[in-house]
Amino acid sequence: MSDETTLASLVKRIEVLEAEADIRRLQARYMFLCDTPCPEFAVGDDAHRIDLIMALYAKDAVWEGVGEYYDNQFGHAEGHDAIREHFNTFWGEERAPALLLNAHYLTSEQIYVDGDNATGQWIHMQPWLFSDGTSLLRSSRLNNSFRKTDSGWKITRTRTENVFIAPLPATFASHYPSASVLMGS
């Protein structure tokens, strides 16, 4: 193997490793921004949070719930406007009961990079607590797609499929913050 071939091979391997790391951070940032209360410092309202989430998506992206449980619950949103509207249903004054707590835990990661495109699979679990005291534990499989753009990697598809939903005892969490200060000074 020539030095040029060896160098080219190493460069390609480094590019894949960097892409995987970028995609891992992108997926984690998406989940971080979706947590409630939002842990991103200085995010004053849900419109700002949604703007930050939308910056992670390609303009032609798709967000969809699939499978026998999520088809009717989450549906299919294509493009920035439709995905933004999807997120508007999770937060804001019109949501009743209000979502007080939601935290995403990711596991079982698999990322596959093919040039400027990639896919990633995860399982995630999240507890939900609502203002009326109801609560649940939700688990989903994620099968997402990504594309490298001039401004970095973007999400091109979020596809989520229910694994299970389990009711939790009313107000299962006795202590939780009304706002996050994690990213403060």
N, C-alpha and C. Protein backbone atom coordinates (compact mmCIF):
# COMPACT_ATOMS: atom_id res chain seq x y z
N MET A 1 0.84 -1.17 0.00
CA MET A 1 0.00 0.00 0.00
C MET A 1 0.89 1.23 0.00
N SER A 2 0.61 2.15 -0.93
CA SER A 2 1.43 3.36 -1.03
C SER A 2 1.07 4.34 0.08
N ASP A 3 1.97 5.30 0.29
CA ASP A 3 1.71 6.33 1.30
C ASP A 3 0.46 7.14 0.97
N GLU A 4 0.25 7.43 -0.32
CA GLU A 4 -0.93 8.18 -0.74
C GLU A 4 -2.20 7.40 -0.45
N THR A 5 -2.19 6.10 -0.73
CA THR A 5 -3.36 5.26 -0.46
C THR A 5 -3.62 5.17 1.04
N THR A 6 -2.56 5.00 1.80
CA THR A 6 -2.69 4.94 3.26
C THR A 6 -3.26 6.25 3.80
N LEU A 7 -2.73 7.37 3.32
CA LEU A 7 -3.19 8.68 3.77
C LEU A 7 -4.66 8.89 3.38
N ALA A 8 -5.03 8.54 2.17
CA ALA A 8 -6.42 8.69 1.72
C ALA A 8 -7.35 7.84 2.57
N SER A 9 -6.92 6.64 2.89
CA SER A 9 -7.72 5.75 3.74
C SER A 9 -7.90 6.34 5.13
N LEU A 10 -6.83 6.88 5.70
CA LEU A 10 -6.91 7.49 7.03
C LEU A 10 -7.81 8.73 7.02
N VAL A 11 -7.71 9.55 5.99
CA VAL A 11 -8.55 10.74 5.88
C VAL A 11 -10.02 10.33 5.83
N LYS A 12 -10.33 9.31 5.03
CA LYS A 12 -11.73 8.85 4.93
C LYS A 12 -12.23 8.35 6.28
N ARG A 13 -11.41 7.61 7.00
CA ARG A 13 -11.81 7.08 8.31
C ARG A 13 -12.03 8.23 9.30
N ILE A 14 -11.17 9.23 9.27
CA ILE A 14 -11.33 10.39 10.15
C ILE A 14 -12.61 11.15 9.81
N GLU A 15 -12.89 11.30 8.52
CA GLU A 15 -14.12 11.99 8.10
C GLU A 15 -15.36 11.26 8.61
N VAL A 16 -15.35 9.93 8.57
CA VAL A 16 -16.48 9.15 9.08
C VAL A 16 -16.61 9.34 10.59
N LEU A 17 -15.50 9.27 11.31
CA LEU A 17 -15.53 9.46 12.76
C LEU A 17 -16.03 10.86 13.13
N GLU A 18 -15.58 11.87 12.40
CA GLU A 18 -16.04 13.24 12.66
C GLU A 18 -17.53 13.38 12.35
N ALA A 19 -17.98 12.75 11.27
CA ALA A 19 -19.40 12.79 10.92
C ALA A 19 -20.23 12.12 12.01
N GLU A 20 -19.80 10.96 12.48
CA GLU A 20 -20.52 10.27 13.56
C GLU A 20 -20.61 11.16 14.79
N ALA A 21 -19.50 11.80 15.16
CA ALA A 21 -19.50 12.68 16.34
C ALA A 21 -20.45 13.86 16.13
N ASP A 22 -20.42 14.46 14.94
CA ASP A 22 -21.31 15.59 14.65
C ASP A 22 -22.78 15.16 14.73
N ILE A 23 -23.09 14.00 14.17
CA ILE A 23 -24.47 13.49 14.18
C ILE A 23 -24.90 13.16 15.61
N ARG A 24 -24.02 12.57 16.37
CA ARG A 24 -24.31 12.26 17.78
C ARG A 24 -24.65 13.54 18.54
N ARG A 25 -23.85 14.59 18.35
CA ARG A 25 -24.11 15.87 19.01
C ARG A 25 -25.41 16.49 18.50
N LEU A 26 -25.67 16.38 17.21
CA LEU A 26 -26.89 16.93 16.62
C LEU A 26 -28.12 16.25 17.22
N GLN A 27 -28.12 14.93 17.29
CA GLN A 27 -29.25 14.20 17.85
C GLN A 27 -29.42 14.51 19.34
N ALA A 28 -28.31 14.58 20.06
CA ALA A 28 -28.38 14.89 21.49
C ALA A 28 -28.88 16.32 21.71
N ARG A 29 -28.45 17.25 20.87
CA ARG A 29 -28.93 18.64 21.00
C ARG A 29 -30.43 18.72 20.74
N TYR A 30 -30.90 18.00 19.74
CA TYR A 30 -32.34 17.95 19.47
C TYR A 30 -33.09 17.48 20.72
N MET A 31 -32.65 16.38 21.31
CA MET A 31 -33.33 15.86 22.50
C MET A 31 -33.22 16.83 23.66
N PHE A 32 -32.07 17.46 23.83
CA PHE A 32 -31.84 18.45 24.88
C PHE A 32 -32.83 19.60 24.75
N LEU A 33 -33.01 20.11 23.54
CA LEU A 33 -33.93 21.22 23.30
C LEU A 33 -35.38 20.80 23.49
N CYS A 34 -35.68 19.52 23.33
CA CYS A 34 -37.04 19.03 23.51
C CYS A 34 -37.38 18.75 24.98
N ASP A 35 -36.38 18.75 25.86
CA ASP A 35 -36.65 18.52 27.28
C ASP A 35 -37.45 19.69 27.87
N THR A 36 -38.26 19.37 28.87
CA THR A 36 -39.05 20.38 29.58
C THR A 36 -38.81 20.21 31.06
N PRO A 37 -38.42 21.28 31.79
CA PRO A 37 -38.20 22.61 31.24
C PRO A 37 -36.96 22.62 30.33
N CYS A 38 -36.95 23.54 29.39
CA CYS A 38 -35.86 23.61 28.42
C CYS A 38 -34.56 23.98 29.14
N PRO A 39 -33.53 23.12 29.05
CA PRO A 39 -32.28 23.39 29.76
C PRO A 39 -31.35 24.36 29.04
N GLU A 40 -31.70 24.82 27.87
CA GLU A 40 -30.85 25.77 27.14
C GLU A 40 -30.95 27.14 27.80
N PHE A 41 -29.84 27.68 28.24
CA PHE A 41 -29.83 28.96 28.94
C PHE A 41 -30.35 30.08 28.04
N ALA A 42 -31.12 30.96 28.63
CA ALA A 42 -31.63 32.19 28.00
C ALA A 42 -32.64 31.92 26.89
N VAL A 43 -33.26 30.75 26.88
CA VAL A 43 -34.38 30.52 25.96
C VAL A 43 -35.62 31.01 26.69
N GLY A 44 -36.09 32.19 26.29
CA GLY A 44 -37.14 32.85 27.03
C GLY A 44 -38.54 32.31 26.80
N ASP A 45 -38.77 31.72 25.64
CA ASP A 45 -40.12 31.22 25.38
C ASP A 45 -40.06 30.04 24.42
N ASP A 46 -41.21 29.41 24.23
CA ASP A 46 -41.25 28.21 23.40
C ASP A 46 -41.02 28.51 21.92
N ALA A 47 -41.38 29.71 21.46
CA ALA A 47 -41.12 30.08 20.07
C ALA A 47 -39.61 30.08 19.80
N HIS A 48 -38.84 30.61 20.76
CA HIS A 48 -37.38 30.62 20.62
C HIS A 48 -36.84 29.19 20.63
N ARG A 49 -37.36 28.36 21.53
CA ARG A 49 -36.95 26.95 21.59
C ARG A 49 -37.22 26.28 20.25
N ILE A 50 -38.39 26.50 19.69
CA ILE A 50 -38.73 25.87 18.42
C ILE A 50 -37.84 26.39 17.30
N ASP A 51 -37.48 27.68 17.33
CA ASP A 51 -36.53 28.22 16.34
C ASP A 51 -35.20 27.47 16.42
N LEU A 52 -34.72 27.22 17.64
CA LEU A 52 -33.45 26.50 17.81
C LEU A 52 -33.57 25.06 17.30
N ILE A 53 -34.70 24.42 17.55
CA ILE A 53 -34.92 23.07 17.04
C ILE A 53 -34.96 23.08 15.52
N MET A 54 -35.67 24.02 14.95
CA MET A 54 -35.81 24.07 13.49
C MET A 54 -34.47 24.32 12.80
N ALA A 55 -33.55 25.00 13.47
CA ALA A 55 -32.21 25.23 12.90
C ALA A 55 -31.45 23.92 12.72
N LEU A 56 -31.88 22.85 13.39
CA LEU A 56 -31.23 21.55 13.28
C LEU A 56 -31.71 20.77 12.06
N TYR A 57 -32.82 21.20 11.47
CA TYR A 57 -33.47 20.46 10.38
C TYR A 57 -33.16 21.05 9.01
N ALA A 58 -33.02 20.18 8.02
CA ALA A 58 -32.95 20.61 6.62
C ALA A 58 -34.33 21.15 6.23
N LYS A 59 -34.37 22.04 5.27
CA LYS A 59 -35.63 22.67 4.84
C LYS A 59 -36.64 21.65 4.34
N ASP A 60 -36.17 20.56 3.76
CA ASP A 60 -37.07 19.54 3.19
C ASP A 60 -37.27 18.34 4.12
N ALA A 61 -36.98 18.53 5.39
CA ALA A 61 -37.03 17.42 6.36
C ALA A 61 -38.45 16.90 6.57
N VAL A 62 -38.51 15.69 7.13
CA VAL A 62 -39.77 15.03 7.46
C VAL A 62 -39.70 14.61 8.93
N TRP A 63 -40.79 14.83 9.66
CA TRP A 63 -40.95 14.34 11.03
C TRP A 63 -42.18 13.45 11.02
N GLU A 64 -42.01 12.19 11.45
CA GLU A 64 -43.17 11.29 11.39
C GLU A 64 -43.19 10.30 12.52
N GLY A 65 -44.39 10.01 12.96
CA GLY A 65 -44.65 8.90 13.86
C GLY A 65 -45.13 7.74 13.02
N VAL A 66 -44.61 6.56 13.24
CA VAL A 66 -44.98 5.40 12.43
C VAL A 66 -45.36 4.24 13.34
N GLY A 67 -46.02 3.26 12.77
CA GLY A 67 -46.40 2.07 13.52
C GLY A 67 -47.83 2.18 14.03
N GLU A 68 -48.30 1.08 14.57
CA GLU A 68 -49.71 1.00 14.94
C GLU A 68 -50.14 2.00 15.99
N TYR A 69 -49.25 2.48 16.83
CA TYR A 69 -49.65 3.45 17.85
C TYR A 69 -49.35 4.89 17.44
N TYR A 70 -48.22 5.14 16.81
CA TYR A 70 -47.80 6.51 16.53
C TYR A 70 -48.36 7.09 15.23
N ASP A 71 -48.84 6.25 14.30
CA ASP A 71 -49.41 6.77 13.05
C ASP A 71 -50.45 7.86 13.32
N ASN A 72 -51.40 7.56 14.17
CA ASN A 72 -52.49 8.49 14.43
C ASN A 72 -52.14 9.53 15.48
N GLN A 73 -51.17 9.26 16.34
CA GLN A 73 -50.83 10.20 17.39
C GLN A 73 -49.91 11.32 16.90
N PHE A 74 -48.88 10.97 16.15
CA PHE A 74 -47.90 11.97 15.73
C PHE A 74 -47.98 12.34 14.25
N GLY A 75 -48.51 11.46 13.43
CA GLY A 75 -48.70 11.79 12.03
C GLY A 75 -47.43 12.00 11.25
N HIS A 76 -47.55 12.84 10.21
CA HIS A 76 -46.48 13.07 9.24
C HIS A 76 -46.41 14.57 8.97
N ALA A 77 -45.25 15.16 9.16
CA ALA A 77 -45.03 16.58 8.89
C ALA A 77 -43.86 16.70 7.93
N GLU A 78 -44.06 17.41 6.83
CA GLU A 78 -43.02 17.55 5.82
C GLU A 78 -42.72 19.01 5.58
N GLY A 79 -41.43 19.38 5.72
CA GLY A 79 -41.00 20.75 5.53
C GLY A 79 -41.02 21.54 6.84
N HIS A 80 -40.29 22.65 6.85
CA HIS A 80 -40.13 23.44 8.07
C HIS A 80 -41.45 23.92 8.66
N ASP A 81 -42.37 24.43 7.84
CA ASP A 81 -43.62 24.97 8.38
C ASP A 81 -44.43 23.89 9.07
N ALA A 82 -44.54 22.72 8.46
CA ALA A 82 -45.32 21.63 9.05
C ALA A 82 -44.65 21.08 10.31
N ILE A 83 -43.34 20.99 10.29
CA ILE A 83 -42.63 20.49 11.48
C ILE A 83 -42.74 21.50 12.62
N ARG A 84 -42.63 22.78 12.30
CA ARG A 84 -42.81 23.83 13.32
C ARG A 84 -44.19 23.73 13.96
N GLU A 85 -45.21 23.54 13.15
CA GLU A 85 -46.56 23.40 13.68
C GLU A 85 -46.67 22.17 14.58
N HIS A 86 -46.01 21.09 14.20
CA HIS A 86 -45.97 19.88 15.04
C HIS A 86 -45.42 20.21 16.43
N PHE A 87 -44.31 20.95 16.49
CA PHE A 87 -43.72 21.29 17.78
C PHE A 87 -44.56 22.28 18.57
N ASN A 88 -45.31 23.13 17.88
CA ASN A 88 -46.20 24.05 18.58
C ASN A 88 -47.24 23.32 19.42
N THR A 89 -47.58 22.08 19.07
CA THR A 89 -48.57 21.33 19.83
C THR A 89 -48.02 20.80 21.16
N PHE A 90 -46.69 20.78 21.32
CA PHE A 90 -46.10 20.25 22.54
C PHE A 90 -45.98 21.29 23.65
N TRP A 91 -45.79 22.53 23.29
CA TRP A 91 -45.57 23.58 24.28
C TRP A 91 -46.52 24.73 23.99
N GLY A 92 -46.61 25.63 24.93
CA GLY A 92 -47.39 26.83 24.72
C GLY A 92 -48.69 26.85 25.51
N GLU A 93 -49.33 27.99 25.44
CA GLU A 93 -50.52 28.23 26.23
C GLU A 93 -51.70 27.35 25.82
N GLU A 94 -51.76 26.96 24.57
CA GLU A 94 -52.89 26.17 24.09
C GLU A 94 -52.84 24.72 24.55
N ARG A 95 -51.71 24.26 25.06
CA ARG A 95 -51.61 22.87 25.51
C ARG A 95 -52.25 22.72 26.87
N ALA A 96 -53.21 21.83 26.95
CA ALA A 96 -53.86 21.54 28.23
C ALA A 96 -53.99 20.03 28.37
N PRO A 97 -53.50 19.45 29.42
CA PRO A 97 -52.73 20.08 30.49
C PRO A 97 -51.32 20.43 30.03
N ALA A 98 -50.73 21.40 30.69
CA ALA A 98 -49.38 21.84 30.34
C ALA A 98 -48.36 20.75 30.67
N LEU A 99 -47.34 20.67 29.85
CA LEU A 99 -46.24 19.74 30.08
C LEU A 99 -45.25 20.40 31.05
N LEU A 100 -45.07 19.78 32.22
CA LEU A 100 -44.18 20.32 33.24
C LEU A 100 -42.79 19.71 33.21
N LEU A 101 -42.73 18.42 32.87
CA LEU A 101 -41.45 17.69 32.91
C LEU A 101 -41.42 16.69 31.76
N ASN A 102 -40.30 16.68 31.07
CA ASN A 102 -40.07 15.73 29.99
C ASN A 102 -38.56 15.67 29.79
N ALA A 103 -37.97 14.51 29.96
CA ALA A 103 -36.52 14.36 29.80
C ALA A 103 -36.25 13.16 28.91
N HIS A 104 -35.35 13.33 27.95
CA HIS A 104 -35.05 12.28 26.97
C HIS A 104 -33.76 11.55 27.35
N TYR A 105 -33.80 10.24 27.34
CA TYR A 105 -32.64 9.40 27.59
C TYR A 105 -32.41 8.53 26.36
N LEU A 106 -31.25 8.68 25.72
CA LEU A 106 -30.93 7.95 24.49
C LEU A 106 -30.04 6.75 24.78
N THR A 107 -30.26 5.66 24.03
CA THR A 107 -29.43 4.47 24.19
C THR A 107 -29.41 3.69 22.87
N SER A 108 -28.63 2.63 22.83
CA SER A 108 -28.56 1.69 21.69
C SER A 108 -28.25 2.38 20.37
N GLU A 109 -27.30 3.30 20.40
CA GLU A 109 -26.97 4.10 19.23
C GLU A 109 -26.30 3.29 18.12
N GLN A 110 -26.73 3.56 16.90
CA GLN A 110 -26.09 3.03 15.70
C GLN A 110 -26.09 4.14 14.66
N ILE A 111 -24.93 4.56 14.20
CA ILE A 111 -24.82 5.61 13.18
C ILE A 111 -24.07 5.05 11.99
N TYR A 112 -24.62 5.27 10.80
CA TYR A 112 -24.01 4.78 9.56
C TYR A 112 -23.84 5.96 8.61
N VAL A 113 -22.59 6.26 8.26
CA VAL A 113 -22.26 7.39 7.40
C VAL A 113 -21.92 6.88 6.01
N ASP A 114 -22.52 7.51 5.00
CA ASP A 114 -22.24 7.20 3.60
C ASP A 114 -22.03 8.52 2.87
N GLY A 115 -20.80 9.02 2.90
CA GLY A 115 -20.50 10.30 2.27
C GLY A 115 -21.18 11.44 3.00
N ASP A 116 -22.03 12.19 2.28
CA ASP A 116 -22.73 13.34 2.85
C ASP A 116 -24.10 12.97 3.38
N ASN A 117 -24.40 11.69 3.50
CA ASN A 117 -25.68 11.22 4.04
C ASN A 117 -25.40 10.22 5.15
N ALA A 118 -26.34 10.12 6.08
CA ALA A 118 -26.17 9.19 7.18
C ALA A 118 -27.53 8.81 7.74
N THR A 119 -27.56 7.69 8.42
CA THR A 119 -28.74 7.28 9.18
C THR A 119 -28.29 6.97 10.60
N GLY A 120 -29.23 7.06 11.51
CA GLY A 120 -28.95 6.74 12.90
C GLY A 120 -30.17 6.13 13.55
N GLN A 121 -29.91 5.15 14.39
CA GLN A 121 -30.98 4.52 15.15
C GLN A 121 -30.65 4.62 16.64
N TRP A 122 -31.68 4.87 17.42
CA TRP A 122 -31.57 4.93 18.87
C TRP A 122 -32.85 4.37 19.47
N ILE A 123 -32.78 4.02 20.73
CA ILE A 123 -33.97 3.82 21.53
C ILE A 123 -33.94 4.94 22.56
N HIS A 124 -35.09 5.54 22.79
CA HIS A 124 -35.10 6.56 23.83
C HIS A 124 -36.26 6.31 24.78
N MET A 125 -36.09 6.81 25.97
CA MET A 125 -37.11 6.70 27.00
C MET A 125 -37.28 8.09 27.59
N GLN A 126 -38.52 8.42 27.96
CA GLN A 126 -38.76 9.73 28.52
C GLN A 126 -39.95 9.70 29.48
N PRO A 127 -39.76 10.24 30.68
CA PRO A 127 -40.88 10.44 31.58
C PRO A 127 -41.58 11.76 31.23
N TRP A 128 -42.90 11.77 31.36
CA TRP A 128 -43.71 12.96 31.13
C TRP A 128 -44.51 13.24 32.39
N LEU A 129 -44.60 14.50 32.79
CA LEU A 129 -45.43 14.93 33.90
C LEU A 129 -46.21 16.16 33.45
N PHE A 130 -47.53 16.11 33.65
CA PHE A 130 -48.42 17.19 33.20
C PHE A 130 -48.98 17.97 34.39
N SER A 131 -49.45 19.17 34.11
CA SER A 131 -49.95 20.07 35.16
C SER A 131 -51.15 19.52 35.91
N ASP A 132 -51.88 18.59 35.33
CA ASP A 132 -53.03 18.01 36.03
C ASP A 132 -52.62 16.82 36.92
N GLY A 133 -51.32 16.54 37.02
CA GLY A 133 -50.83 15.46 37.87
C GLY A 133 -50.66 14.14 37.14
N THR A 134 -51.20 14.00 35.93
CA THR A 134 -51.02 12.75 35.19
C THR A 134 -49.58 12.65 34.72
N SER A 135 -49.14 11.41 34.53
CA SER A 135 -47.77 11.20 34.11
C SER A 135 -47.66 9.86 33.40
N LEU A 136 -46.61 9.73 32.60
CA LEU A 136 -46.38 8.49 31.87
C LEU A 136 -44.91 8.32 31.55
N LEU A 137 -44.55 7.11 31.21
CA LEU A 137 -43.21 6.78 30.74
C LEU A 137 -43.36 6.28 29.31
N ARG A 138 -42.64 6.89 28.41
CA ARG A 138 -42.74 6.57 26.99
C ARG A 138 -41.39 6.09 26.48
N SER A 139 -41.40 5.07 25.63
CA SER A 139 -40.18 4.60 24.99
C SER A 139 -40.45 4.46 23.50
N SER A 140 -39.48 4.88 22.70
CA SER A 140 -39.61 4.85 21.25
C SER A 140 -38.31 4.42 20.59
N ARG A 141 -38.45 3.88 19.40
CA ARG A 141 -37.30 3.64 18.53
C ARG A 141 -37.22 4.80 17.55
N LEU A 142 -36.03 5.30 17.34
CA LEU A 142 -35.80 6.39 16.39
C LEU A 142 -35.02 5.84 15.21
N ASN A 143 -35.45 6.19 14.01
CA ASN A 143 -34.74 5.83 12.78
C ASN A 143 -34.64 7.11 11.97
N ASN A 144 -33.55 7.84 12.14
CA ASN A 144 -33.41 9.18 11.60
C ASN A 144 -32.39 9.23 10.46
N SER A 145 -32.54 10.26 9.64
CA SER A 145 -31.62 10.48 8.52
C SER A 145 -31.01 11.87 8.65
N PHE A 146 -29.81 12.01 8.07
CA PHE A 146 -29.05 13.25 8.18
C PHE A 146 -28.36 13.53 6.85
N ARG A 147 -28.10 14.81 6.59
CA ARG A 147 -27.37 15.21 5.38
C ARG A 147 -26.38 16.31 5.74
N LYS A 148 -25.18 16.20 5.20
CA LYS A 148 -24.17 17.23 5.40
C LYS A 148 -24.46 18.39 4.44
N THR A 149 -24.53 19.59 4.98
CA THR A 149 -24.80 20.78 4.18
C THR A 149 -23.63 21.74 4.34
N ASP A 150 -23.71 22.88 3.67
CA ASP A 150 -22.66 23.90 3.80
C ASP A 150 -22.56 24.40 5.24
N SER A 151 -23.64 24.31 6.01
CA SER A 151 -23.63 24.78 7.40
C SER A 151 -23.54 23.62 8.40
N GLY A 152 -23.10 22.45 7.94
CA GLY A 152 -22.94 21.30 8.83
C GLY A 152 -24.04 20.28 8.63
N TRP A 153 -24.05 19.27 9.48
CA TRP A 153 -25.04 18.20 9.38
C TRP A 153 -26.41 18.70 9.82
N LYS A 154 -27.43 18.27 9.09
CA LYS A 154 -28.83 18.62 9.40
C LYS A 154 -29.65 17.34 9.44
N ILE A 155 -30.71 17.37 10.21
CA ILE A 155 -31.66 16.26 10.26
C ILE A 155 -32.55 16.34 9.02
N THR A 156 -32.66 15.24 8.30
CA THR A 156 -33.56 15.20 7.14
C THR A 156 -34.80 14.37 7.41
N ARG A 157 -34.72 13.51 8.41
CA ARG A 157 -35.91 12.74 8.79
C ARG A 157 -35.81 12.35 10.26
N THR A 158 -36.89 12.62 10.98
CA THR A 158 -37.07 12.06 12.32
C THR A 158 -38.23 11.08 12.19
N ARG A 159 -37.97 9.84 12.45
CA ARG A 159 -39.01 8.80 12.40
C ARG A 159 -39.01 8.10 13.75
N THR A 160 -40.16 8.13 14.40
CA THR A 160 -40.28 7.54 15.73
C THR A 160 -41.39 6.50 15.74
N GLU A 161 -41.10 5.38 16.40
CA GLU A 161 -42.04 4.27 16.51
C GLU A 161 -42.16 3.89 17.99
N ASN A 162 -43.38 3.76 18.46
CA ASN A 162 -43.63 3.42 19.85
C ASN A 162 -43.06 2.05 20.21
N VAL A 163 -42.39 1.97 21.35
CA VAL A 163 -42.01 0.70 21.96
C VAL A 163 -43.03 0.39 23.05
N PHE A 164 -43.26 1.37 23.95
CA PHE A 164 -44.33 1.23 24.95
C PHE A 164 -44.64 2.58 25.56
N ILE A 165 -45.84 2.66 26.13
CA ILE A 165 -46.24 3.79 26.96
C ILE A 165 -46.83 3.19 28.23
N ALA A 166 -46.35 3.64 29.37
CA ALA A 166 -46.82 3.12 30.65
C ALA A 166 -47.23 4.27 31.55
N PRO A 167 -48.44 4.23 32.08
CA PRO A 167 -48.82 5.27 33.03
C PRO A 167 -47.96 5.17 34.28
N LEU A 168 -47.63 6.32 34.84
CA LEU A 168 -46.90 6.38 36.10
C LEU A 168 -47.86 6.89 37.18
N PRO A 169 -47.55 6.64 38.44
CA PRO A 169 -48.42 7.16 39.50
C PRO A 169 -48.54 8.68 39.39
N ALA A 170 -49.68 9.20 39.79
CA ALA A 170 -49.90 10.65 39.73
C ALA A 170 -48.76 11.37 40.43
N THR A 171 -48.31 12.44 39.81
CA THR A 171 -47.19 13.25 40.31
C THR A 171 -46.05 12.36 40.84
N PHE A 172 -45.61 11.43 40.00
CA PHE A 172 -44.54 10.49 40.38
C PHE A 172 -43.27 11.21 40.82
N ALA A 173 -43.05 12.39 40.28
CA ALA A 173 -41.85 13.16 40.64
C ALA A 173 -42.25 14.19 41.68
N SER A 174 -41.66 14.11 42.85
CA SER A 174 -42.03 15.03 43.91
C SER A 174 -41.23 16.33 43.87
N HIS A 175 -40.05 16.29 43.27
CA HIS A 175 -39.20 17.48 43.21
C HIS A 175 -38.67 17.62 41.80
N TYR A 176 -38.98 18.72 41.15
CA TYR A 176 -38.50 19.00 39.81
C TYR A 176 -38.50 20.51 39.61
N PRO A 177 -37.59 21.03 38.79
CA PRO A 177 -37.47 22.48 38.63
C PRO A 177 -38.55 23.04 37.71
N SER A 178 -38.93 24.28 37.96
CA SER A 178 -39.84 24.97 37.05
C SER A 178 -39.08 25.57 35.88
N ALA A 179 -37.77 25.74 36.06
CA ALA A 179 -36.89 26.23 35.00
C ALA A 179 -35.51 25.64 35.24
N SER A 180 -34.78 25.43 34.16
CA SER A 180 -33.43 24.90 34.27
C SER A 180 -32.43 26.03 34.37
N VAL A 181 -31.42 25.87 35.21
CA VAL A 181 -30.33 26.83 35.32
C VAL A 181 -29.01 26.20 34.91
N LEU A 182 -29.08 25.02 34.34
CA LEU A 182 -27.90 24.24 33.99
C LEU A 182 -26.89 25.02 33.18
N MET A 183 -27.34 25.73 32.17
CA MET A 183 -26.43 26.40 31.25
C MET A 183 -26.17 27.85 31.64
N GLY A 184 -26.59 28.28 32.83
CA GLY A 184 -26.36 29.64 33.28
C GLY A 184 -24.89 29.90 33.57
N SER A 185 -24.61 31.09 33.99
CA SER A 185 -23.21 31.49 34.23
C SER A 185 -22.55 30.75 35.34
